[in-house]
């Protein structure tokens, strides 16, 4: 009986390990990407990441330069998707936000992704999911399956000014600074003049953005 119990416990342990460390991926050129946004609540060393339950807690964490995440629920095509938005302090924390064997991509790695898919004029539609966007659904031929996701700053979760529709864009942190802020991959439902629908920009350190991970 004890032997059977031990085997059962081992099986549960192995299943738990597998589900927490294996991720669905897509290979684009010589890069291997996760096909979903990162949703961890612990650093790689096992320590908890501070969960900001509301805007006040989010502002307090940023004011203290404290790594934090904010959880949002996205409704697309009648389905709900949970997504964690992280501040820059979480992205750059030495304890490691990405799981072992993965990392948050740098600027050159995101640019390589865009170039591999044909450049800024055509890469966006290949990255976007086939549904969920306010317009110009993607082809998702890359398998990246980028869904639109809100982002957060001191004014709360909002859609970028200048766009009149929800589900019109998505932003993902990169691991390096750019133009005096945190580097950001910006993907839009359509071109917002004078910008193409995908490219590298910057976000404020206190913004809350989604994250995609790249295999080491």
N, C-alpha and C. Protein backbone atom coordinates (compact mmCIF):
# COMPACT_ATOMS: atom_id res chain seq x y z
N UNK A 1 0.83 -1.20 0.00
CA UNK A 1 0.00 0.00 0.00
C UNK A 1 0.87 1.26 0.00
N UNK A 2 1.92 1.24 0.85
CA UNK A 2 2.82 2.39 0.90
C UNK A 2 3.52 2.60 -0.43
N UNK A 3 3.87 1.47 -1.07
CA UNK A 3 4.56 1.54 -2.36
C UNK A 3 3.65 2.17 -3.41
N UNK A 4 2.37 1.76 -3.41
CA UNK A 4 1.41 2.31 -4.37
C UNK A 4 1.22 3.81 -4.14
N UNK A 5 1.14 4.20 -2.85
CA UNK A 5 0.97 5.60 -2.52
C UNK A 5 2.16 6.42 -2.98
N UNK A 6 3.36 5.87 -2.79
CA UNK A 6 4.57 6.57 -3.20
C UNK A 6 4.61 6.77 -4.70
N UNK A 7 4.19 5.74 -5.45
CA UNK A 7 4.16 5.83 -6.91
C UNK A 7 3.16 6.89 -7.36
N UNK A 8 1.99 6.92 -6.70
CA UNK A 8 0.97 7.91 -7.04
C UNK A 8 1.47 9.33 -6.78
N UNK A 9 2.16 9.51 -5.64
CA UNK A 9 2.68 10.83 -5.30
C UNK A 9 3.74 11.26 -6.30
N UNK A 10 4.57 10.31 -6.73
CA UNK A 10 5.60 10.61 -7.72
C UNK A 10 4.97 11.02 -9.04
N UNK A 11 3.90 10.32 -9.43
CA UNK A 11 3.22 10.62 -10.69
C UNK A 11 2.63 12.02 -10.66
N UNK A 12 2.00 12.37 -9.53
CA UNK A 12 1.43 13.71 -9.38
C UNK A 12 2.52 14.76 -9.44
N UNK A 13 3.66 14.47 -8.77
CA UNK A 13 4.77 15.41 -8.76
C UNK A 13 5.32 15.63 -10.15
N UNK A 14 5.49 14.54 -10.92
CA UNK A 14 6.02 14.65 -12.27
C UNK A 14 5.06 15.40 -13.17
N UNK A 15 3.75 15.15 -13.00
CA UNK A 15 2.74 15.84 -13.80
C UNK A 15 2.79 17.33 -13.52
N UNK A 16 2.88 17.70 -12.22
CA UNK A 16 2.94 19.09 -11.84
C UNK A 16 4.17 19.76 -12.43
N UNK A 17 5.32 19.05 -12.37
CA UNK A 17 6.56 19.60 -12.91
C UNK A 17 6.43 19.84 -14.41
N UNK A 18 5.83 18.89 -15.11
CA UNK A 18 5.69 18.99 -16.55
C UNK A 18 4.80 20.17 -16.93
N UNK A 19 3.65 20.30 -16.25
CA UNK A 19 2.72 21.34 -16.64
C UNK A 19 3.26 22.73 -16.31
N UNK A 20 4.19 22.83 -15.38
CA UNK A 20 4.72 24.12 -15.00
C UNK A 20 5.96 24.51 -15.79
N UNK A 21 6.59 23.56 -16.45
CA UNK A 21 7.85 23.87 -17.10
C UNK A 21 7.83 23.67 -18.61
N UNK A 22 6.76 23.09 -19.16
CA UNK A 22 6.67 22.91 -20.59
C UNK A 22 5.65 23.89 -21.15
N UNK A 23 6.00 24.49 -22.27
CA UNK A 23 5.16 25.53 -22.85
C UNK A 23 4.97 25.24 -24.34
N UNK A 24 3.81 25.64 -24.86
CA UNK A 24 3.60 25.52 -26.30
C UNK A 24 4.49 26.54 -27.00
N UNK A 25 5.14 26.12 -28.08
CA UNK A 25 6.11 26.98 -28.75
C UNK A 25 5.88 27.02 -30.26
N UNK A 26 6.52 27.99 -30.87
CA UNK A 26 6.58 28.05 -32.33
C UNK A 26 8.00 28.46 -32.72
N UNK A 27 8.50 27.88 -33.78
CA UNK A 27 9.85 28.20 -34.27
C UNK A 27 9.73 29.16 -35.45
N UNK A 28 10.39 30.30 -35.33
CA UNK A 28 10.38 31.33 -36.37
C UNK A 28 11.83 31.62 -36.72
N UNK A 29 12.26 31.19 -37.89
CA UNK A 29 13.68 31.28 -38.23
C UNK A 29 14.46 30.37 -37.31
N UNK A 30 15.45 30.93 -36.60
CA UNK A 30 16.20 30.13 -35.63
C UNK A 30 15.81 30.47 -34.19
N UNK A 31 14.65 31.11 -34.02
CA UNK A 31 14.16 31.47 -32.69
C UNK A 31 12.98 30.57 -32.31
N UNK A 32 12.91 30.23 -31.02
CA UNK A 32 11.79 29.45 -30.48
C UNK A 32 11.05 30.33 -29.47
N UNK A 33 9.79 30.62 -29.75
CA UNK A 33 8.99 31.53 -28.93
C UNK A 33 7.86 30.78 -28.23
N UNK A 34 7.49 31.27 -27.03
CA UNK A 34 6.25 30.82 -26.42
C UNK A 34 5.09 31.36 -27.26
N UNK A 35 4.00 30.61 -27.34
CA UNK A 35 2.85 31.05 -28.11
C UNK A 35 1.79 31.72 -27.23
N UNK A 36 2.09 31.89 -25.95
CA UNK A 36 1.19 32.57 -25.03
C UNK A 36 1.98 33.56 -24.20
N UNK A 37 1.27 34.53 -23.62
CA UNK A 37 1.92 35.50 -22.75
C UNK A 37 2.34 34.86 -21.44
N UNK A 38 3.36 35.40 -20.83
CA UNK A 38 3.86 34.90 -19.55
C UNK A 38 2.86 35.23 -18.44
N UNK A 39 2.57 34.25 -17.58
CA UNK A 39 1.61 34.46 -16.49
C UNK A 39 2.14 33.95 -15.15
N UNK A 40 3.44 34.11 -14.91
CA UNK A 40 4.01 33.63 -13.65
C UNK A 40 3.76 34.63 -12.52
N UNK A 41 3.69 34.12 -11.29
CA UNK A 41 3.55 34.98 -10.12
C UNK A 41 4.73 34.84 -9.17
N UNK A 42 5.77 34.14 -9.61
CA UNK A 42 6.99 33.97 -8.82
C UNK A 42 8.21 34.20 -9.70
N UNK A 43 9.27 34.68 -9.07
CA UNK A 43 10.53 34.79 -9.78
C UNK A 43 11.14 33.40 -9.94
N UNK A 44 12.18 33.32 -10.74
CA UNK A 44 12.79 32.03 -11.02
C UNK A 44 13.31 31.35 -9.76
N UNK A 45 13.68 32.14 -8.74
CA UNK A 45 14.19 31.55 -7.49
C UNK A 45 13.08 31.13 -6.53
N UNK A 46 11.81 31.28 -6.94
CA UNK A 46 10.68 30.86 -6.11
C UNK A 46 10.05 31.96 -5.27
N UNK A 47 10.67 33.13 -5.22
CA UNK A 47 10.10 34.23 -4.42
C UNK A 47 8.92 34.86 -5.15
N UNK A 48 7.91 35.26 -4.37
CA UNK A 48 6.69 35.82 -4.94
C UNK A 48 6.94 37.19 -5.57
N UNK A 49 6.25 37.44 -6.67
CA UNK A 49 6.21 38.77 -7.26
C UNK A 49 5.02 39.49 -6.64
N UNK A 50 5.19 40.74 -6.26
CA UNK A 50 4.11 41.49 -5.62
C UNK A 50 2.92 41.61 -6.56
N UNK A 51 1.73 41.25 -6.08
CA UNK A 51 0.50 41.34 -6.85
C UNK A 51 -0.23 42.62 -6.48
N UNK A 52 -0.33 43.55 -7.42
CA UNK A 52 -1.06 44.79 -7.21
C UNK A 52 -2.53 44.55 -7.50
N UNK A 53 -3.35 44.56 -6.45
CA UNK A 53 -4.77 44.20 -6.60
C UNK A 53 -5.60 45.32 -7.21
N UNK A 54 -5.11 46.55 -7.15
CA UNK A 54 -5.87 47.67 -7.69
C UNK A 54 -4.90 48.76 -8.13
N UNK A 55 -5.46 49.84 -8.67
CA UNK A 55 -4.62 50.91 -9.21
C UNK A 55 -3.78 51.57 -8.12
N UNK A 56 -4.35 51.75 -6.94
CA UNK A 56 -3.61 52.37 -5.84
C UNK A 56 -2.39 51.53 -5.47
N UNK A 57 -2.57 50.22 -5.39
CA UNK A 57 -1.45 49.32 -5.07
C UNK A 57 -0.41 49.34 -6.18
N UNK A 58 -0.86 49.44 -7.43
CA UNK A 58 0.05 49.51 -8.57
C UNK A 58 0.91 50.78 -8.50
N UNK A 59 0.27 51.91 -8.22
CA UNK A 59 0.98 53.17 -8.11
C UNK A 59 1.98 53.15 -6.96
N UNK A 60 1.58 52.55 -5.85
CA UNK A 60 2.47 52.47 -4.68
C UNK A 60 3.71 51.63 -5.01
N UNK A 61 3.51 50.51 -5.69
CA UNK A 61 4.64 49.65 -6.05
C UNK A 61 5.60 50.39 -6.98
N UNK A 62 5.06 51.09 -7.97
CA UNK A 62 5.92 51.84 -8.89
C UNK A 62 6.65 52.97 -8.19
N UNK A 63 5.96 53.62 -7.25
CA UNK A 63 6.59 54.70 -6.50
C UNK A 63 7.76 54.21 -5.66
N UNK A 64 7.69 52.94 -5.26
CA UNK A 64 8.76 52.34 -4.46
C UNK A 64 9.77 51.57 -5.33
N UNK A 65 9.63 51.69 -6.66
CA UNK A 65 10.49 50.93 -7.59
C UNK A 65 10.42 49.43 -7.30
N UNK A 66 9.23 48.96 -7.00
CA UNK A 66 9.03 47.58 -6.58
C UNK A 66 8.50 46.73 -7.73
N UNK A 67 9.10 45.57 -7.99
CA UNK A 67 8.57 44.68 -9.03
C UNK A 67 7.14 44.29 -8.70
N UNK A 68 6.25 44.35 -9.71
CA UNK A 68 4.84 44.05 -9.46
C UNK A 68 4.17 43.58 -10.74
N UNK A 69 3.03 42.91 -10.55
CA UNK A 69 2.21 42.56 -11.71
C UNK A 69 0.76 42.86 -11.40
N UNK A 70 0.00 43.06 -12.46
CA UNK A 70 -1.42 43.38 -12.38
C UNK A 70 -2.13 42.39 -13.29
N UNK A 71 -3.20 41.80 -12.85
CA UNK A 71 -3.89 40.78 -13.63
C UNK A 71 -5.11 41.37 -14.32
N UNK A 72 -5.22 41.10 -15.62
CA UNK A 72 -6.38 41.55 -16.38
C UNK A 72 -7.05 40.35 -17.05
N UNK A 73 -8.33 40.50 -17.34
CA UNK A 73 -9.07 39.48 -18.08
C UNK A 73 -9.49 40.08 -19.41
N UNK A 74 -9.09 39.44 -20.48
CA UNK A 74 -9.41 39.91 -21.82
C UNK A 74 -10.54 39.05 -22.37
N UNK A 75 -11.56 39.67 -22.92
CA UNK A 75 -12.67 38.93 -23.54
C UNK A 75 -12.56 39.11 -25.05
N UNK A 76 -12.30 38.02 -25.75
CA UNK A 76 -12.16 38.04 -27.20
C UNK A 76 -13.03 36.95 -27.80
N UNK A 77 -13.89 37.32 -28.71
CA UNK A 77 -14.76 36.36 -29.37
C UNK A 77 -15.54 35.52 -28.38
N UNK A 78 -15.96 36.16 -27.27
CA UNK A 78 -16.77 35.47 -26.27
C UNK A 78 -15.98 34.60 -25.31
N UNK A 79 -14.65 34.56 -25.46
CA UNK A 79 -13.81 33.76 -24.57
C UNK A 79 -12.99 34.67 -23.67
N UNK A 80 -12.76 34.21 -22.43
CA UNK A 80 -11.98 35.00 -21.48
C UNK A 80 -10.54 34.48 -21.42
N UNK A 81 -9.59 35.42 -21.42
CA UNK A 81 -8.18 35.10 -21.30
C UNK A 81 -7.58 35.91 -20.16
N UNK A 82 -6.90 35.24 -19.26
CA UNK A 82 -6.23 35.92 -18.15
C UNK A 82 -4.81 36.28 -18.58
N UNK A 83 -4.39 37.48 -18.24
CA UNK A 83 -3.06 37.93 -18.64
C UNK A 83 -2.45 38.78 -17.54
N UNK A 84 -1.20 38.50 -17.20
CA UNK A 84 -0.46 39.32 -16.25
C UNK A 84 0.27 40.44 -16.97
N UNK A 85 0.15 41.65 -16.42
CA UNK A 85 0.90 42.80 -16.91
C UNK A 85 1.95 43.14 -15.86
N UNK A 86 3.19 43.28 -16.28
CA UNK A 86 4.31 43.50 -15.36
C UNK A 86 4.88 44.91 -15.53
N UNK A 87 5.43 45.47 -14.44
CA UNK A 87 6.14 46.74 -14.58
C UNK A 87 7.61 46.47 -14.93
N UNK A 88 8.32 47.53 -15.26
CA UNK A 88 9.72 47.40 -15.71
C UNK A 88 10.61 46.84 -14.60
N UNK A 89 10.26 47.13 -13.36
CA UNK A 89 11.07 46.66 -12.23
C UNK A 89 11.01 45.14 -12.12
N UNK A 90 9.92 44.55 -12.53
CA UNK A 90 9.82 43.09 -12.56
C UNK A 90 10.63 42.52 -13.72
N UNK A 91 10.57 43.20 -14.85
CA UNK A 91 11.30 42.75 -16.04
C UNK A 91 12.79 42.68 -15.78
N UNK A 92 13.33 43.67 -15.07
CA UNK A 92 14.77 43.79 -14.89
C UNK A 92 15.27 43.23 -13.56
N UNK A 93 14.38 42.65 -12.75
CA UNK A 93 14.80 42.13 -11.45
C UNK A 93 15.79 40.97 -11.62
N UNK A 94 16.87 40.98 -10.83
CA UNK A 94 17.94 40.00 -10.95
C UNK A 94 17.50 38.58 -10.57
N UNK A 95 16.36 38.45 -9.89
CA UNK A 95 15.88 37.12 -9.52
C UNK A 95 15.35 36.34 -10.72
N UNK A 96 15.12 37.03 -11.81
CA UNK A 96 14.71 36.37 -13.05
C UNK A 96 13.22 36.19 -13.16
N UNK A 97 12.59 36.92 -14.08
CA UNK A 97 11.15 36.80 -14.27
C UNK A 97 10.79 35.64 -15.19
N UNK A 98 11.59 35.42 -16.21
CA UNK A 98 11.33 34.33 -17.14
C UNK A 98 11.68 32.98 -16.51
N UNK A 99 10.96 31.92 -16.85
CA UNK A 99 11.27 30.58 -16.33
C UNK A 99 12.66 30.12 -16.78
N UNK A 100 13.21 29.16 -16.08
CA UNK A 100 14.51 28.60 -16.45
C UNK A 100 14.48 28.09 -17.88
N UNK A 101 15.52 28.40 -18.65
CA UNK A 101 15.59 27.98 -20.04
C UNK A 101 14.99 28.98 -21.01
N UNK A 102 14.44 30.07 -20.46
CA UNK A 102 13.81 31.11 -21.26
C UNK A 102 14.32 32.48 -20.86
N UNK A 103 14.09 33.48 -21.70
CA UNK A 103 14.44 34.85 -21.32
C UNK A 103 13.51 35.83 -22.01
N UNK A 104 13.46 37.04 -21.47
CA UNK A 104 12.70 38.12 -22.10
C UNK A 104 13.56 38.67 -23.23
N UNK A 105 13.04 38.70 -24.45
CA UNK A 105 13.88 39.08 -25.59
C UNK A 105 14.39 40.51 -25.53
N UNK A 106 15.57 40.71 -26.12
CA UNK A 106 16.14 42.05 -26.24
C UNK A 106 15.69 42.71 -27.54
N UNK A 107 16.12 43.94 -27.74
CA UNK A 107 15.72 44.71 -28.92
C UNK A 107 16.14 44.01 -30.21
N UNK A 108 17.39 43.56 -30.28
CA UNK A 108 17.89 42.91 -31.50
C UNK A 108 17.11 41.63 -31.80
N UNK A 109 16.71 40.92 -30.74
CA UNK A 109 15.96 39.67 -30.95
C UNK A 109 14.56 39.93 -31.49
N UNK A 110 13.92 41.00 -31.00
CA UNK A 110 12.61 41.35 -31.54
C UNK A 110 12.74 41.84 -32.98
N UNK A 111 13.79 42.62 -33.26
CA UNK A 111 14.00 43.10 -34.62
C UNK A 111 14.29 41.93 -35.56
N UNK A 112 15.01 40.94 -35.06
CA UNK A 112 15.27 39.74 -35.86
C UNK A 112 13.97 39.02 -36.19
N UNK A 113 13.07 38.95 -35.20
CA UNK A 113 11.75 38.34 -35.41
C UNK A 113 11.01 39.04 -36.53
N UNK A 114 10.99 40.37 -36.49
CA UNK A 114 10.28 41.16 -37.49
C UNK A 114 10.90 40.98 -38.87
N UNK A 115 12.23 41.00 -38.94
CA UNK A 115 12.91 40.85 -40.22
C UNK A 115 12.72 39.45 -40.80
N UNK A 116 12.75 38.44 -39.93
CA UNK A 116 12.54 37.07 -40.40
C UNK A 116 11.18 36.92 -41.07
N UNK A 117 10.20 37.68 -40.58
CA UNK A 117 8.84 37.60 -41.13
C UNK A 117 8.59 38.60 -42.24
N UNK A 118 9.66 39.22 -42.76
CA UNK A 118 9.52 40.07 -43.94
C UNK A 118 9.58 41.55 -43.71
N UNK A 119 9.84 41.99 -42.46
CA UNK A 119 9.94 43.42 -42.18
C UNK A 119 8.66 44.01 -41.65
N UNK A 120 8.74 45.28 -41.23
CA UNK A 120 7.63 45.93 -40.54
C UNK A 120 6.35 46.04 -41.37
N UNK A 121 6.46 46.07 -42.70
CA UNK A 121 5.27 46.25 -43.53
C UNK A 121 4.39 45.01 -43.59
N UNK A 122 4.99 43.82 -43.36
CA UNK A 122 4.20 42.59 -43.51
C UNK A 122 4.23 41.68 -42.28
N UNK A 123 5.18 41.90 -41.37
CA UNK A 123 5.34 40.98 -40.23
C UNK A 123 4.15 41.00 -39.28
N UNK A 124 3.51 42.15 -39.13
CA UNK A 124 2.43 42.29 -38.17
C UNK A 124 1.32 41.28 -38.36
N UNK A 125 0.83 41.14 -39.59
CA UNK A 125 -0.27 40.21 -39.84
C UNK A 125 0.15 38.76 -39.63
N UNK A 126 1.42 38.45 -39.82
CA UNK A 126 1.91 37.09 -39.61
C UNK A 126 2.02 36.77 -38.11
N UNK A 127 2.16 37.81 -37.28
CA UNK A 127 2.26 37.63 -35.83
C UNK A 127 0.89 37.57 -35.17
N UNK A 128 -0.09 38.28 -35.73
CA UNK A 128 -1.40 38.41 -35.09
C UNK A 128 -2.23 37.14 -35.21
N UNK A 129 -3.07 36.92 -34.19
CA UNK A 129 -4.02 35.80 -34.20
C UNK A 129 -5.05 36.01 -35.31
N UNK A 130 -5.73 34.94 -35.67
CA UNK A 130 -6.70 35.00 -36.76
C UNK A 130 -8.01 35.65 -36.37
N UNK A 131 -8.21 35.88 -35.09
CA UNK A 131 -9.44 36.53 -34.63
C UNK A 131 -9.11 37.33 -33.38
N UNK A 132 -10.09 38.12 -32.93
CA UNK A 132 -9.92 38.88 -31.69
C UNK A 132 -9.58 40.33 -31.88
N UNK A 133 -8.97 40.69 -33.01
CA UNK A 133 -8.59 42.08 -33.26
C UNK A 133 -9.79 42.88 -33.76
N UNK A 134 -9.75 44.18 -33.51
CA UNK A 134 -10.89 45.02 -33.90
C UNK A 134 -11.06 45.08 -35.42
N UNK A 135 -9.96 44.91 -36.14
CA UNK A 135 -10.00 44.89 -37.60
C UNK A 135 -8.71 44.26 -38.12
N UNK A 136 -8.69 43.92 -39.38
CA UNK A 136 -7.50 43.36 -39.99
C UNK A 136 -6.94 42.18 -39.21
N UNK A 137 -7.74 41.15 -39.06
CA UNK A 137 -7.27 39.94 -38.38
C UNK A 137 -5.99 39.44 -39.03
N UNK A 138 -5.15 38.82 -38.23
CA UNK A 138 -3.90 38.32 -38.78
C UNK A 138 -4.05 36.97 -39.46
N UNK A 139 -2.97 36.52 -40.06
CA UNK A 139 -2.94 35.19 -40.67
C UNK A 139 -2.35 34.17 -39.71
N UNK A 140 -1.55 34.66 -38.73
CA UNK A 140 -0.86 33.81 -37.75
C UNK A 140 -0.03 32.72 -38.43
N UNK A 141 0.50 33.00 -39.59
CA UNK A 141 1.33 32.00 -40.27
C UNK A 141 2.63 31.73 -39.51
N UNK A 142 2.99 32.63 -38.61
CA UNK A 142 4.19 32.43 -37.79
C UNK A 142 3.95 31.50 -36.62
N UNK A 143 2.66 31.33 -36.23
CA UNK A 143 2.33 30.56 -35.04
C UNK A 143 2.49 31.35 -33.75
N UNK A 144 2.89 32.62 -33.83
CA UNK A 144 3.12 33.45 -32.65
C UNK A 144 1.81 33.72 -31.90
N UNK A 145 0.70 33.82 -32.65
CA UNK A 145 -0.64 33.94 -32.09
C UNK A 145 -0.79 35.12 -31.12
N UNK A 146 -0.40 36.30 -31.59
CA UNK A 146 -0.48 37.49 -30.75
C UNK A 146 -1.92 37.97 -30.65
N UNK A 147 -2.45 37.99 -29.44
CA UNK A 147 -3.79 38.52 -29.18
C UNK A 147 -3.66 39.95 -28.69
N UNK A 148 -4.64 40.81 -28.98
CA UNK A 148 -4.60 42.18 -28.46
C UNK A 148 -4.71 42.16 -26.94
N UNK A 149 -4.00 43.04 -26.28
CA UNK A 149 -4.06 43.11 -24.82
C UNK A 149 -3.88 44.55 -24.36
N UNK A 150 -4.68 44.97 -23.40
CA UNK A 150 -4.58 46.31 -22.84
C UNK A 150 -3.27 46.47 -22.10
N UNK A 151 -2.92 47.70 -21.81
CA UNK A 151 -1.77 47.94 -20.95
C UNK A 151 -2.16 48.97 -19.91
N UNK A 152 -1.35 49.13 -18.91
CA UNK A 152 -1.74 49.97 -17.78
C UNK A 152 -0.67 51.01 -17.47
N UNK A 153 -1.12 52.21 -17.11
CA UNK A 153 -0.22 53.22 -16.56
C UNK A 153 -0.95 53.89 -15.40
N UNK A 154 -0.50 55.06 -14.97
CA UNK A 154 -1.10 55.68 -13.80
C UNK A 154 -2.57 56.03 -13.98
N UNK A 155 -3.02 56.16 -15.22
CA UNK A 155 -4.42 56.49 -15.44
C UNK A 155 -5.30 55.25 -15.51
N UNK A 156 -4.73 54.08 -15.31
CA UNK A 156 -5.49 52.84 -15.36
C UNK A 156 -5.33 52.15 -16.70
N UNK A 157 -6.03 51.04 -16.87
CA UNK A 157 -5.96 50.31 -18.12
C UNK A 157 -6.72 51.11 -19.19
N UNK A 158 -6.10 51.33 -20.32
CA UNK A 158 -6.73 52.14 -21.34
C UNK A 158 -6.26 51.73 -22.72
N UNK A 159 -7.04 52.14 -23.72
CA UNK A 159 -6.66 51.93 -25.11
C UNK A 159 -5.89 53.15 -25.57
N UNK A 160 -4.82 52.93 -26.28
CA UNK A 160 -3.96 54.02 -26.74
C UNK A 160 -4.77 55.17 -27.34
N UNK A 161 -4.56 56.41 -26.87
CA UNK A 161 -5.26 57.56 -27.45
C UNK A 161 -5.03 57.64 -28.96
N UNK A 162 -6.06 57.98 -29.69
CA UNK A 162 -5.94 58.03 -31.14
C UNK A 162 -6.54 56.82 -31.81
N UNK A 163 -6.80 55.77 -31.03
CA UNK A 163 -7.51 54.61 -31.58
C UNK A 163 -8.90 54.59 -30.96
N UNK A 164 -9.90 54.40 -31.80
CA UNK A 164 -11.28 54.50 -31.33
C UNK A 164 -11.89 53.16 -31.01
N UNK A 165 -11.15 52.06 -31.24
CA UNK A 165 -11.72 50.74 -31.06
C UNK A 165 -10.95 49.95 -30.01
N UNK A 166 -11.67 49.10 -29.28
CA UNK A 166 -11.02 48.18 -28.36
C UNK A 166 -10.36 47.06 -29.15
N UNK A 167 -9.47 46.35 -28.47
CA UNK A 167 -8.76 45.23 -29.09
C UNK A 167 -8.02 45.66 -30.36
N UNK A 168 -7.42 46.86 -30.27
CA UNK A 168 -6.76 47.42 -31.44
C UNK A 168 -5.24 47.29 -31.38
N UNK A 169 -4.68 46.85 -30.24
CA UNK A 169 -3.23 46.80 -30.15
C UNK A 169 -2.78 45.88 -29.02
N UNK A 170 -1.50 45.58 -29.04
CA UNK A 170 -0.86 44.81 -27.98
C UNK A 170 0.56 45.29 -27.80
N UNK A 171 1.03 45.31 -26.57
CA UNK A 171 2.40 45.75 -26.27
C UNK A 171 3.08 44.73 -25.37
N UNK A 172 4.35 44.45 -25.68
CA UNK A 172 5.13 43.47 -24.93
C UNK A 172 6.49 44.05 -24.59
N UNK A 173 6.88 43.88 -23.33
CA UNK A 173 8.19 44.36 -22.90
C UNK A 173 9.32 43.62 -23.63
N UNK A 174 10.43 44.31 -23.84
CA UNK A 174 11.69 43.64 -24.12
C UNK A 174 12.60 43.91 -22.94
N UNK A 175 13.77 43.32 -22.90
CA UNK A 175 14.61 43.36 -21.70
C UNK A 175 15.58 44.54 -21.68
N UNK A 176 15.53 45.39 -22.71
CA UNK A 176 16.47 46.50 -22.79
C UNK A 176 15.75 47.84 -22.89
N UNK A 177 16.45 48.87 -22.47
CA UNK A 177 15.91 50.22 -22.57
C UNK A 177 16.00 50.72 -24.02
N UNK A 178 15.08 51.61 -24.36
CA UNK A 178 15.10 52.22 -25.69
C UNK A 178 14.50 53.62 -25.61
N UNK A 179 15.21 54.59 -26.18
CA UNK A 179 14.74 55.98 -26.24
C UNK A 179 14.40 56.54 -24.86
N UNK A 180 15.13 56.14 -23.83
CA UNK A 180 14.90 56.68 -22.50
C UNK A 180 13.79 56.01 -21.73
N UNK A 181 13.33 54.87 -22.20
CA UNK A 181 12.30 54.11 -21.48
C UNK A 181 12.54 52.63 -21.69
N UNK A 182 11.56 51.83 -21.32
CA UNK A 182 11.68 50.40 -21.52
C UNK A 182 11.35 50.03 -22.96
N UNK A 183 12.18 49.20 -23.59
CA UNK A 183 11.92 48.78 -24.96
C UNK A 183 10.62 48.01 -25.06
N UNK A 184 9.90 48.23 -26.16
CA UNK A 184 8.56 47.65 -26.31
C UNK A 184 8.30 47.21 -27.74
N UNK A 185 7.76 46.02 -27.89
CA UNK A 185 7.21 45.60 -29.18
C UNK A 185 5.77 46.07 -29.23
N UNK A 186 5.44 46.86 -30.24
CA UNK A 186 4.10 47.43 -30.37
C UNK A 186 3.45 46.85 -31.62
N UNK A 187 2.32 46.18 -31.45
CA UNK A 187 1.60 45.55 -32.55
C UNK A 187 0.19 46.10 -32.58
N UNK A 188 -0.25 46.57 -33.75
CA UNK A 188 -1.53 47.24 -33.87
C UNK A 188 -2.43 46.53 -34.89
N UNK A 189 -3.73 46.77 -34.79
CA UNK A 189 -4.66 46.14 -35.70
C UNK A 189 -4.48 46.66 -37.12
N UNK A 190 -4.05 47.92 -37.24
CA UNK A 190 -3.80 48.51 -38.55
C UNK A 190 -2.75 49.59 -38.40
N UNK A 191 -2.28 50.13 -39.50
CA UNK A 191 -1.28 51.18 -39.43
C UNK A 191 -1.86 52.43 -38.78
N UNK A 192 -1.12 53.00 -37.84
CA UNK A 192 -1.50 54.28 -37.24
C UNK A 192 -0.44 55.27 -37.71
N UNK A 193 -0.77 56.05 -38.70
CA UNK A 193 0.19 56.94 -39.36
C UNK A 193 0.96 57.77 -38.34
N UNK A 194 2.31 57.89 -38.48
CA UNK A 194 3.13 57.38 -39.57
C UNK A 194 3.77 56.02 -39.27
N UNK A 195 3.21 55.29 -38.30
CA UNK A 195 3.84 54.04 -37.85
C UNK A 195 3.25 52.82 -38.56
N UNK A 196 4.10 51.84 -38.90
CA UNK A 196 3.58 50.57 -39.41
C UNK A 196 2.89 49.81 -38.28
N UNK A 197 2.25 48.68 -38.59
CA UNK A 197 1.46 48.01 -37.55
C UNK A 197 2.30 47.16 -36.62
N UNK A 198 3.61 47.12 -36.79
CA UNK A 198 4.47 46.46 -35.82
C UNK A 198 5.84 47.14 -35.83
N UNK A 199 6.43 47.27 -34.66
CA UNK A 199 7.75 47.89 -34.57
C UNK A 199 8.20 48.00 -33.13
N UNK A 200 9.41 48.53 -32.93
CA UNK A 200 9.99 48.70 -31.60
C UNK A 200 9.87 50.15 -31.16
N UNK A 201 9.34 50.34 -29.96
CA UNK A 201 9.16 51.68 -29.42
C UNK A 201 9.60 51.68 -27.95
N UNK A 202 9.07 52.61 -27.16
CA UNK A 202 9.42 52.65 -25.74
C UNK A 202 8.18 52.86 -24.90
N UNK A 203 8.24 52.40 -23.66
CA UNK A 203 7.17 52.62 -22.69
C UNK A 203 7.78 53.13 -21.40
N UNK A 204 6.95 53.78 -20.59
CA UNK A 204 7.43 54.28 -19.30
C UNK A 204 7.67 53.11 -18.36
N UNK A 205 8.64 53.27 -17.48
CA UNK A 205 9.00 52.18 -16.55
C UNK A 205 7.84 51.74 -15.67
N UNK A 206 6.87 52.62 -15.45
CA UNK A 206 5.75 52.28 -14.57
C UNK A 206 4.55 51.72 -15.33
N UNK A 207 4.67 51.60 -16.65
CA UNK A 207 3.58 50.98 -17.42
C UNK A 207 3.51 49.50 -17.09
N UNK A 208 2.37 48.91 -17.32
CA UNK A 208 2.21 47.47 -17.15
C UNK A 208 1.97 46.83 -18.50
N UNK A 209 2.90 45.98 -18.94
CA UNK A 209 2.79 45.35 -20.26
C UNK A 209 2.86 43.84 -20.14
N UNK A 210 2.38 43.18 -21.17
CA UNK A 210 2.49 41.72 -21.25
C UNK A 210 3.93 41.33 -21.63
N UNK A 211 4.22 40.05 -21.54
CA UNK A 211 5.56 39.55 -21.86
C UNK A 211 5.46 38.26 -22.65
N UNK A 212 6.27 38.14 -23.68
CA UNK A 212 6.49 36.89 -24.40
C UNK A 212 7.93 36.45 -24.17
N UNK A 213 8.15 35.18 -24.01
CA UNK A 213 9.50 34.69 -23.73
C UNK A 213 10.10 33.96 -24.93
N UNK A 214 11.41 34.04 -25.01
CA UNK A 214 12.19 33.42 -26.08
C UNK A 214 13.10 32.36 -25.46
N UNK A 215 13.21 31.22 -26.10
CA UNK A 215 14.02 30.14 -25.55
C UNK A 215 15.49 30.49 -25.62
N UNK A 216 16.23 30.14 -24.56
CA UNK A 216 17.68 30.42 -24.50
C UNK A 216 18.42 29.74 -25.65
